[in-house]
Amino acid sequence: MNATLKLMTFNLRYDRPDPGVQNWQMRKEAIVELIHHYQPDLMGTQELKPHQLSELKALLPHYKTIGGDRRGDGTDEYCTIFYHPSRINCLETEDFYLSETPEIAGSITPHWDNYAPRMVTWGLFKMDNPQRSLILLNTHFAHLSHKAREFSAELIIRYCDRFPLEESYLFLTGDFNAVPNSKERKILKHPISDRIHFQDALESLTTKEQKTFHGFTGQATTAIDTIYYDRRVKLQDIAVERQQWRGVFPSDHFPIIAYLILP
């Protein structure tokens, strides 16, 4: 029997704080309403600061979370993965850092031209009915350095070789701060093994339809967020959610929701 997975990626915008309806306190209920509407099985998020994560966890008690922050001390931005424990169980989780010393929390490699730490949170999950194993990696690439993004993409592809890929399907969510045809996005589609490659879930859409960053205007200008899925999996449907919720835009990025069939 096939299993269906509902997977979301969502850059939730760190709390600057922003003015008016862009402020976190105005947006968080809209975020919760959107998540309640779609009820993803798994959701990769980016940019949550500690207090934002704490508040969302309280507002979404039916979800569990995994992942640390990019400095490894609980003070900085998280790449938190939310999962629905009634549908999916987390068997293992870990963070690694986008540097030449990925096992060292908060590490930076200077010649990558990265001014702040960047990271990946991953989880090994098992669906209950029917039983299927899957691995989700969630990340947020550097926004100022092409070099850092390219090295980060190469590291992720190499790191995936550590996973039990013959037994698990592989997924990657994130804000990649790079457009679809950029070198760093092309690297993410390099072969992981003979049978396993990532496919960009948005690539069947037009360039305009792929755009996700809109800066609270509602008019997206760049396509920098996406979901990559294992080519052994079938993409049933994909959507970029562009609506306002409770009269506000939940973030300066539109979330992406993919419906996937795991054979």
C-alpha atoms as a PDB file:
ATOM      1  CA  MET A   1       0.000   0.000   0.000  1.00  0.00           C
ATOM      2  CA  ASN A   2       1.239   3.502  -0.815  1.00  0.00           C
ATOM      3  CA  ALA A   3       1.543   6.174   1.866  1.00  0.00           C
ATOM      4  CA  THR A   4       0.751   9.861   1.347  1.00  0.00           C
ATOM      5  CA  LEU A   5       2.940  12.519   2.959  1.00  0.00           C
ATOM      6  CA  LYS A   6       1.952  16.172   3.349  1.00  0.00           C
ATOM      7  CA  LEU A   7       5.162  18.214   3.617  1.00  0.00           C
ATOM      8  CA  MET A   8       5.516  21.970   4.125  1.00  0.00           C
ATOM      9  CA  THR A   9       8.410  24.430   4.165  1.00  0.00           C
ATOM     10  CA  PHE A  10       7.948  27.869   5.712  1.00  0.00           C
ATOM     11  CA  ASN A  11      10.352  30.714   6.468  1.00  0.00           C
ATOM     12  CA  LEU A  12       8.519  32.305   9.401  1.00  0.00           C
ATOM     13  CA  ARG A  13      10.513  35.572   9.592  1.00  0.00           C
ATOM     14  CA  TYR A  14      12.547  36.275  12.705  1.00  0.00           C
ATOM     15  CA  ASP A  15      11.166  38.805  15.170  1.00  0.00           C
ATOM     16  CA  ARG A  16      13.031  42.058  14.429  1.00  0.00           C
ATOM     17  CA  PRO A  17      10.457  43.350  15.661  1.00  0.00           C
ATOM     18  CA  ASP A  18       8.646  44.613  12.568  1.00  0.00           C
ATOM     19  CA  PRO A  19       6.033  47.418  12.538  1.00  0.00           C
ATOM     20  CA  GLY A  20       2.243  47.077  12.430  1.00  0.00           C
ATOM     21  CA  VAL A  21       0.746  43.928  10.958  1.00  0.00           C
ATOM     22  CA  GLN A  22       4.233  42.673  10.121  1.00  0.00           C
ATOM     23  CA  ASN A  23       4.996  42.323  13.819  1.00  0.00           C
ATOM     24  CA  TRP A  24       5.356  38.801  15.193  1.00  0.00           C
ATOM     25  CA  GLN A  25       2.580  39.335  17.736  1.00  0.00           C
ATOM     26  CA  MET A  26       0.195  40.195  14.881  1.00  0.00           C
ATOM     27  CA  ARG A  27       1.377  37.331  12.660  1.00  0.00           C
ATOM     28  CA  LYS A  28       1.662  34.331  14.951  1.00  0.00           C
ATOM     29  CA  GLU A  29      -2.081  33.590  15.117  1.00  0.00           C
ATOM     30  CA  ALA A  30      -2.236  33.779  11.314  1.00  0.00           C
ATOM     31  CA  ILE A  31       0.626  31.264  11.112  1.00  0.00           C
ATOM     32  CA  VAL A  32      -1.208  28.930  13.480  1.00  0.00           C
ATOM     33  CA  GLU A  33      -4.438  29.205  11.490  1.00  0.00           C
ATOM     34  CA  LEU A  34      -2.606  28.422   8.247  1.00  0.00           C
ATOM     35  CA  ILE A  35      -0.934  25.367   9.799  1.00  0.00           C
ATOM     36  CA  HIS A  36      -4.244  24.179  11.257  1.00  0.00           C
ATOM     37  CA  HIS A  37      -5.781  24.494   7.793  1.00  0.00           C
ATOM     38  CA  TYR A  38      -3.149  22.421   5.973  1.00  0.00           C
ATOM     39  CA  GLN A  39      -2.211  20.102   8.855  1.00  0.00           C
ATOM     40  CA  PRO A  40       1.135  19.002   7.388  1.00  0.00           C
ATOM     41  CA  ASP A  41       2.608  15.729   8.570  1.00  0.00           C
ATOM     42  CA  LEU A  42       6.031  17.363   8.526  1.00  0.00           C
ATOM     43  CA  MET A  43       7.040  21.012   8.302  1.00  0.00           C
ATOM     44  CA  GLY A  44      10.525  22.490   7.930  1.00  0.00           C
ATOM     45  CA  THR A  45      10.748  26.038   9.276  1.00  0.00           C
ATOM     46  CA  GLN A  46      13.428  28.695   9.129  1.00  0.00           C
ATOM     47  CA  GLU A  47      14.365  31.803  11.155  1.00  0.00           C
ATOM     48  CA  LEU A  48      12.494  31.112  14.395  1.00  0.00           C
ATOM     49  CA  LYS A  49      14.137  32.790  17.385  1.00  0.00           C
ATOM     50  CA  PRO A  50      13.876  31.054  20.791  1.00  0.00           C
ATOM     51  CA  HIS A  51      10.844  32.998  22.023  1.00  0.00           C
ATOM     52  CA  GLN A  52       9.023  32.529  18.705  1.00  0.00           C
ATOM     53  CA  LEU A  53       9.610  28.795  18.815  1.00  0.00           C
ATOM     54  CA  SER A  54       8.387  28.625  22.402  1.00  0.00           C
ATOM     55  CA  GLU A  55       5.197  30.528  21.563  1.00  0.00           C
ATOM     56  CA  LEU A  56       4.454  28.431  18.464  1.00  0.00           C
ATOM     57  CA  LYS A  57       4.945  25.195  20.370  1.00  0.00           C
ATOM     58  CA  ALA A  58       2.395  26.377  22.935  1.00  0.00           C
ATOM     59  CA  LEU A  59      -0.065  27.316  20.170  1.00  0.00           C
ATOM     60  CA  LEU A  60       0.446  24.024  18.284  1.00  0.00           C
ATOM     61  CA  PRO A  61       0.287  21.439  21.098  1.00  0.00           C
ATOM     62  CA  HIS A  62      -0.564  18.594  18.714  1.00  0.00           C
ATOM     63  CA  TYR A  63       2.844  18.964  17.030  1.00  0.00           C
ATOM     64  CA  LYS A  64       6.249  17.938  18.324  1.00  0.00           C
ATOM     65  CA  THR A  65       9.522  19.577  17.290  1.00  0.00           C
ATOM     66  CA  ILE A  66      13.162  18.690  16.757  1.00  0.00           C
ATOM     67  CA  GLY A  67      16.302  20.740  16.195  1.00  0.00           C
ATOM     68  CA  GLY A  68      18.667  23.195  17.824  1.00  0.00           C
ATOM     69  CA  ASP A  69      19.761  26.682  16.846  1.00  0.00           C
ATOM     70  CA  ARG A  70      22.573  27.778  14.576  1.00  0.00           C
ATOM     71  CA  ARG A  71      24.985  28.730  17.383  1.00  0.00           C
ATOM     72  CA  GLY A  72      24.260  25.603  19.373  1.00  0.00           C
ATOM     73  CA  ASP A  73      23.537  27.463  22.605  1.00  0.00           C
ATOM     74  CA  GLY A  74      19.782  28.082  22.299  1.00  0.00           C
ATOM     75  CA  THR A  75      20.110  31.815  21.579  1.00  0.00           C
ATOM     76  CA  ASP A  76      19.926  32.103  17.795  1.00  0.00           C
ATOM     77  CA  GLU A  77      17.736  31.162  14.835  1.00  0.00           C
ATOM     78  CA  TYR A  78      16.410  27.608  14.541  1.00  0.00           C
ATOM     79  CA  CYS A  79      15.721  25.306  11.593  1.00  0.00           C
ATOM     80  CA  THR A  80      13.001  23.546  13.559  1.00  0.00           C
ATOM     81  CA  ILE A  81      11.118  20.597  12.097  1.00  0.00           C
ATOM     82  CA  PHE A  82       7.521  20.190  13.292  1.00  0.00           C
ATOM     83  CA  TYR A  83       5.930  16.763  13.029  1.00  0.00           C
ATOM     84  CA  HIS A  84       2.506  15.319  13.792  1.00  0.00           C
ATOM     85  CA  PRO A  85       3.087  12.422  16.240  1.00  0.00           C
ATOM     86  CA  SER A  86      -0.313  10.855  15.621  1.00  0.00           C
ATOM     87  CA  ARG A  87       0.756  10.181  12.021  1.00  0.00           C
ATOM     88  CA  ILE A  88       4.521  10.003  12.120  1.00  0.00           C
ATOM     89  CA  ASN A  89       7.179   9.147  14.707  1.00  0.00           C
ATOM     90  CA  CYS A  90      10.699  10.524  15.033  1.00  0.00           C
ATOM     91  CA  LEU A  91      13.256   7.753  15.516  1.00  0.00           C
ATOM     92  CA  GLU A  92      16.449   9.814  15.393  1.00  0.00           C
ATOM     93  CA  THR A  93      17.495  13.442  14.977  1.00  0.00           C
ATOM     94  CA  GLU A  94      20.646  15.506  14.789  1.00  0.00           C
ATOM     95  CA  ASP A  95      21.966  18.886  13.701  1.00  0.00           C
ATOM     96  CA  PHE A  96      25.024  19.566  11.587  1.00  0.00           C
ATOM     97  CA  TYR A  97      26.613  22.836  10.622  1.00  0.00           C
ATOM     98  CA  LEU A  98      27.394  24.175   7.168  1.00  0.00           C
ATOM     99  CA  SER A  99      31.152  24.422   7.472  1.00  0.00           C
ATOM    100  CA  GLU A 100      34.234  22.243   7.061  1.00  0.00           C
ATOM    101  CA  THR A 101      33.666  21.087  10.664  1.00  0.00           C
ATOM    102  CA  PRO A 102      29.962  20.146  10.479  1.00  0.00           C
ATOM    103  CA  GLU A 103      30.006  18.338  13.829  1.00  0.00           C
ATOM    104  CA  ILE A 104      31.032  21.519  15.714  1.00  0.00           C
ATOM    105  CA  ALA A 105      28.008  23.576  16.776  1.00  0.00           C
ATOM    106  CA  GLY A 106      28.110  27.164  15.550  1.00  0.00           C
ATOM    107  CA  SER A 107      31.141  26.564  13.344  1.00  0.00           C
ATOM    108  CA  ILE A 108      32.052  28.848  10.441  1.00  0.00           C
ATOM    109  CA  THR A 109      34.657  28.298   7.721  1.00  0.00           C
ATOM    110  CA  PRO A 110      36.133  31.755   6.962  1.00  0.00           C
ATOM    111  CA  HIS A 111      37.038  31.108   3.326  1.00  0.00           C
ATOM    112  CA  TRP A 112      33.387  30.258   2.632  1.00  0.00           C
ATOM    113  CA  ASP A 113      32.732  33.994   3.159  1.00  0.00           C
ATOM    114  CA  ASN A 114      29.957  33.289   5.628  1.00  0.00           C
ATOM    115  CA  TYR A 115      29.510  35.873   8.373  1.00  0.00           C
ATOM    116  CA  ALA A 116      27.142  33.817  10.558  1.00  0.00           C
ATOM    117  CA  PRO A 117      26.725  30.081  11.294  1.00  0.00           C
ATOM    118  CA  ARG A 118      24.346  28.091   9.139  1.00  0.00           C
ATOM    119  CA  MET A 119      22.961  24.650   9.859  1.00  0.00           C
ATOM    120  CA  VAL A 120      20.836  21.647   8.948  1.00  0.00           C
ATOM    121  CA  THR A 121      18.396  19.856  11.251  1.00  0.00           C
ATOM    122  CA  TRP A 122      17.472  16.354  10.161  1.00  0.00           C
ATOM    123  CA  GLY A 123      15.139  13.684  11.439  1.00  0.00           C
ATOM    124  CA  LEU A 124      14.583  10.020  10.654  1.00  0.00           C
ATOM    125  CA  PHE A 125      10.845   9.366  10.766  1.00  0.00           C
ATOM    126  CA  LYS A 126       8.543   6.387  10.396  1.00  0.00           C
ATOM    127  CA  MET A 127       4.971   6.631   9.207  1.00  0.00           C
ATOM    128  CA  ASP A 128       2.488   4.441  11.078  1.00  0.00           C
ATOM    129  CA  ASN A 129       0.095   3.267   8.413  1.00  0.00           C
ATOM    130  CA  PRO A 130       1.569   1.796   6.347  1.00  0.00           C
ATOM    131  CA  GLN A 131       5.061   1.765   7.803  1.00  0.00           C
ATOM    132  CA  ARG A 132       7.485   3.814   5.727  1.00  0.00           C
ATOM    133  CA  SER A 133      10.787   5.371   6.809  1.00  0.00           C
ATOM    134  CA  LEU A 134      11.802   8.792   5.606  1.00  0.00           C
ATOM    135  CA  ILE A 135      14.488  11.365   6.326  1.00  0.00           C
ATOM    136  CA  LEU A 136      13.831  15.092   6.257  1.00  0.00           C
ATOM    137  CA  LEU A 137      16.648  17.628   6.191  1.00  0.00           C
ATOM    138  CA  ASN A 138      15.767  21.268   6.792  1.00  0.00           C
ATOM    139  CA  THR A 139      18.093  24.227   6.239  1.00  0.00           C
ATOM    140  CA  HIS A 140      18.550  27.945   5.633  1.00  0.00           C
ATOM    141  CA  PHE A 141      21.447  28.939   3.381  1.00  0.00           C
ATOM    142  CA  ALA A 142      23.567  32.084   3.674  1.00  0.00           C
ATOM    143  CA  HIS A 143      22.001  35.104   2.007  1.00  0.00           C
ATOM    144  CA  LEU A 144      25.169  37.104   1.222  1.00  0.00           C
ATOM    145  CA  SER A 145      27.669  34.551  -0.118  1.00  0.00           C
ATOM    146  CA  HIS A 146      27.354  32.505  -3.316  1.00  0.00           C
ATOM    147  CA  LYS A 147      30.463  30.598  -2.245  1.00  0.00           C
ATOM    148  CA  ALA A 148      28.944  29.635   1.118  1.00  0.00           C
ATOM    149  CA  ARG A 149      25.761  28.407  -0.567  1.00  0.00           C
ATOM    150  CA  GLU A 150      27.689  26.312  -3.088  1.00  0.00           C
ATOM    151  CA  PHE A 151      29.851  24.700  -0.398  1.00  0.00           C
ATOM    152  CA  SER A 152      26.732  24.158   1.719  1.00  0.00           C
ATOM    153  CA  ALA A 153      24.924  22.390  -1.132  1.00  0.00           C
ATOM    154  CA  GLU A 154      27.954  20.156  -1.756  1.00  0.00           C
ATOM    155  CA  LEU A 155      28.169  19.296   1.947  1.00  0.00           C
ATOM    156  CA  ILE A 156      24.485  18.298   2.096  1.00  0.00           C
ATOM    157  CA  ILE A 157      24.809  15.986  -0.911  1.00  0.00           C
ATOM    158  CA  ARG A 158      27.882  14.324   0.632  1.00  0.00           C
ATOM    159  CA  TYR A 159      26.251  14.098   4.062  1.00  0.00           C
ATOM    160  CA  CYS A 160      23.217  12.271   2.668  1.00  0.00           C
ATOM    161  CA  ASP A 161      25.432   9.300   1.899  1.00  0.00           C
ATOM    162  CA  ARG A 162      25.522   8.591   5.664  1.00  0.00           C
ATOM    163  CA  PHE A 163      21.827   7.775   5.788  1.00  0.00           C
ATOM    164  CA  PRO A 164      20.180   4.344   5.276  1.00  0.00           C
ATOM    165  CA  LEU A 165      18.930   5.368   1.865  1.00  0.00           C
ATOM    166  CA  GLU A 166      17.893   1.935   0.666  1.00  0.00           C
ATOM    167  CA  GLU A 167      15.456   1.776   3.589  1.00  0.00           C
ATOM    168  CA  SER A 168      14.303   5.416   3.684  1.00  0.00           C
ATOM    169  CA  TYR A 169      13.016   8.103   1.361  1.00  0.00           C
ATOM    170  CA  LEU A 170      14.864  11.423   1.441  1.00  0.00           C
ATOM    171  CA  PHE A 171      13.502  14.994   1.518  1.00  0.00           C
ATOM    172  CA  LEU A 172      15.033  18.464   1.841  1.00  0.00           C
ATOM    173  CA  THR A 173      13.197  21.666   2.779  1.00  0.00           C
ATOM    174  CA  GLY A 174      14.602  25.146   3.107  1.00  0.00           C
ATOM    175  CA  ASP A 175      15.174  28.739   2.236  1.00  0.00           C
ATOM    176  CA  PHE A 176      18.110  28.433  -0.144  1.00  0.00           C
ATOM    177  CA  ASN A 177      18.548  32.156  -0.872  1.00  0.00           C
ATOM    178  CA  ALA A 178      19.212  31.219  -4.489  1.00  0.00           C
ATOM    179  CA  VAL A 179      17.063  31.023  -7.600  1.00  0.00           C
ATOM    180  CA  PRO A 180      16.283  27.684  -9.301  1.00  0.00           C
ATOM    181  CA  ASN A 181      18.916  27.817 -12.059  1.00  0.00           C
ATOM    182  CA  SER A 182      21.752  28.993  -9.818  1.00  0.00           C
ATOM    183  CA  LYS A 183      24.847  26.842  -9.359  1.00  0.00           C
ATOM    184  CA  GLU A 184      23.995  26.037  -5.726  1.00  0.00           C
ATOM    185  CA  ARG A 185      20.491  24.853  -6.600  1.00  0.00           C
ATOM    186  CA  LYS A 186      21.877  22.708  -9.444  1.00  0.00           C
ATOM    187  CA  ILE A 187      24.363  21.101  -7.031  1.00  0.00           C
ATOM    188  CA  LEU A 188      21.443  19.940  -4.875  1.00  0.00           C
ATOM    189  CA  LYS A 189      20.265  17.842  -7.832  1.00  0.00           C
ATOM    190  CA  HIS A 190      23.581  16.029  -8.212  1.00  0.00           C
ATOM    191  CA  PRO A 191      23.343  12.244  -7.706  1.00  0.00           C
ATOM    192  CA  ILE A 192      23.543  11.077  -4.099  1.00  0.00           C
ATOM    193  CA  SER A 193      23.858   7.472  -5.310  1.00  0.00           C
ATOM    194  CA  ASP A 194      23.103   5.595  -8.510  1.00  0.00           C
ATOM    195  CA  ARG A 195      19.392   5.431  -7.708  1.00  0.00           C
ATOM    196  CA  ILE A 196      18.859   8.487  -5.545  1.00  0.00           C
ATOM    197  CA  HIS A 197      18.580  12.089  -6.722  1.00  0.00           C
ATOM    198  CA  PHE A 198      16.684  15.098  -5.418  1.00  0.00           C
ATOM    199  CA  GLN A 199      13.904  16.564  -7.555  1.00  0.00           C
ATOM    200  CA  ASP A 200      12.709  20.158  -7.103  1.00  0.00           C
ATOM    201  CA  ALA A 201       8.985  20.012  -6.336  1.00  0.00           C
ATOM    202  CA  LEU A 202       8.378  23.446  -7.875  1.00  0.00           C
ATOM    203  CA  GLU A 203      10.173  22.927 -11.160  1.00  0.00           C
ATOM    204  CA  SER A 204       7.006  22.017 -13.076  1.00  0.00           C
ATOM    205  CA  LEU A 205       5.616  25.502 -12.345  1.00  0.00           C
ATOM    206  CA  THR A 206       6.433  28.672 -14.265  1.00  0.00           C
ATOM    207  CA  THR A 207       9.196  30.910 -12.926  1.00  0.00           C
ATOM    208  CA  LYS A 208       6.581  33.378 -11.702  1.00  0.00           C
ATOM    209  CA  GLU A 209       4.627  30.666  -9.902  1.00  0.00           C
ATOM    210  CA  GLN A 210       7.774  29.474  -8.101  1.00  0.00           C
ATOM    211  CA  LYS A 211       8.429  32.859  -6.442  1.00  0.00           C
ATOM    212  CA  THR A 212       8.061  32.849  -2.660  1.00  0.00           C
ATOM    213  CA  PHE A 213       9.725  35.920  -1.132  1.00  0.00           C
ATOM    214  CA  HIS A 214       7.362  38.900  -1.143  1.00  0.00           C
ATOM    215  CA  GLY A 215       8.481  41.161   1.737  1.00  0.00           C
ATOM    216  CA  PHE A 216       4.912  41.417   3.136  1.00  0.00           C
ATOM    217  CA  THR A 217       3.657  42.939  -0.129  1.00  0.00           C
ATOM    218  CA  GLY A 218       1.832  39.869  -1.413  1.00  0.00           C
ATOM    219  CA  GLN A 219       3.708  40.214  -4.731  1.00  0.00           C
ATOM    220  CA  ALA A 220       6.530  37.670  -4.751  1.00  0.00           C
ATOM    221  CA  THR A 221       9.785  38.731  -6.387  1.00  0.00           C
ATOM    222  CA  THR A 222      12.185  35.779  -6.034  1.00  0.00           C
ATOM    223  CA  ALA A 223      12.013  31.974  -5.951  1.00  0.00           C
ATOM    224  CA  ILE A 224      14.314  31.035  -3.070  1.00  0.00           C
ATOM    225  CA  ASP A 225      12.290  28.486  -1.057  1.00  0.00           C
ATOM    226  CA  THR A 226      11.457  24.976  -2.168  1.00  0.00           C
ATOM    227  CA  ILE A 227      11.008  21.313  -1.295  1.00  0.00           C
ATOM    228  CA  TYR A 228      13.306  18.691  -2.765  1.00  0.00           C
ATOM    229  CA  TYR A 229      12.036  15.141  -2.851  1.00  0.00           C
ATOM    230  CA  ASP A 230      13.511  11.725  -3.543  1.00  0.00           C
ATOM    231  CA  ARG A 231      12.914  10.759  -7.182  1.00  0.00           C
ATOM    232  CA  ARG A 232      11.723   7.339  -6.010  1.00  0.00           C
ATOM    233  CA  VAL A 233       8.695   9.215  -4.621  1.00  0.00           C
ATOM    234  CA  LYS A 234       5.794  10.545  -6.702  1.00  0.00           C
ATOM    235  CA  LEU A 235       4.773  14.203  -6.421  1.00  0.00           C
ATOM    236  CA  GLN A 236       0.981  14.284  -6.364  1.00  0.00           C
ATOM    237  CA  ASP A 237       0.497  18.045  -5.990  1.00  0.00           C
ATOM    238  CA  ILE A 238       2.421  21.201  -5.069  1.00  0.00           C
ATOM    239  CA  ALA A 239       1.181  24.631  -4.028  1.00  0.00           C
ATOM    240  CA  VAL A 240       2.597  27.999  -3.002  1.00  0.00           C
ATOM    241  CA  GLU A 241       0.176  29.459  -0.437  1.00  0.00           C
ATOM    242  CA  ARG A 242      -0.279  33.179  -1.197  1.00  0.00           C
ATOM    243  CA  GLN A 243      -3.326  34.109   0.885  1.00  0.00           C
ATOM    244  CA  GLN A 244      -3.637  36.393   3.861  1.00  0.00           C
ATOM    245  CA  TRP A 245      -4.816  34.765   7.068  1.00  0.00           C
ATOM    246  CA  ARG A 246      -6.707  36.772   9.662  1.00  0.00           C
ATOM    247  CA  GLY A 247      -6.180  39.764   7.403  1.00  0.00           C
ATOM    248  CA  VAL A 248      -2.359  39.608   7.473  1.00  0.00           C
ATOM    249  CA  PHE A 249       0.423  37.858   5.644  1.00  0.00           C
ATOM    250  CA  PRO A 250       1.830  35.251   8.039  1.00  0.00           C
ATOM    251  CA  SER A 251       5.401  35.931   6.880  1.00  0.00           C
ATOM    252  CA  ASP A 252       7.476  37.740   4.272  1.00  0.00           C
ATOM    253  CA  HIS A 253       7.825  34.364   2.521  1.00  0.00           C
ATOM    254  CA  PHE A 254       4.987  32.275   1.142  1.00  0.00           C
ATOM    255  CA  PRO A 255       4.949  28.685   2.421  1.00  0.00           C
ATOM    256  CA  ILE A 256       5.046  25.691   0.074  1.00  0.00           C
ATOM    257  CA  ILE A 257       2.944  22.548   0.556  1.00  0.00           C
ATOM    258  CA  ALA A 258       3.732  19.309  -1.263  1.00  0.00           C
ATOM    259  CA  TYR A 259       1.588  16.179  -1.408  1.00  0.00           C
ATOM    260  CA  LEU A 260       3.780  13.129  -2.015  1.00  0.00           C
ATOM    261  CA  ILE A 261       3.107   9.444  -2.563  1.00  0.00           C
ATOM    262  CA  LEU A 262       5.619   7.039  -1.019  1.00  0.00           C
ATOM    263  CA  PRO A 263       5.563   3.755  -2.957  1.00  0.00           C
END
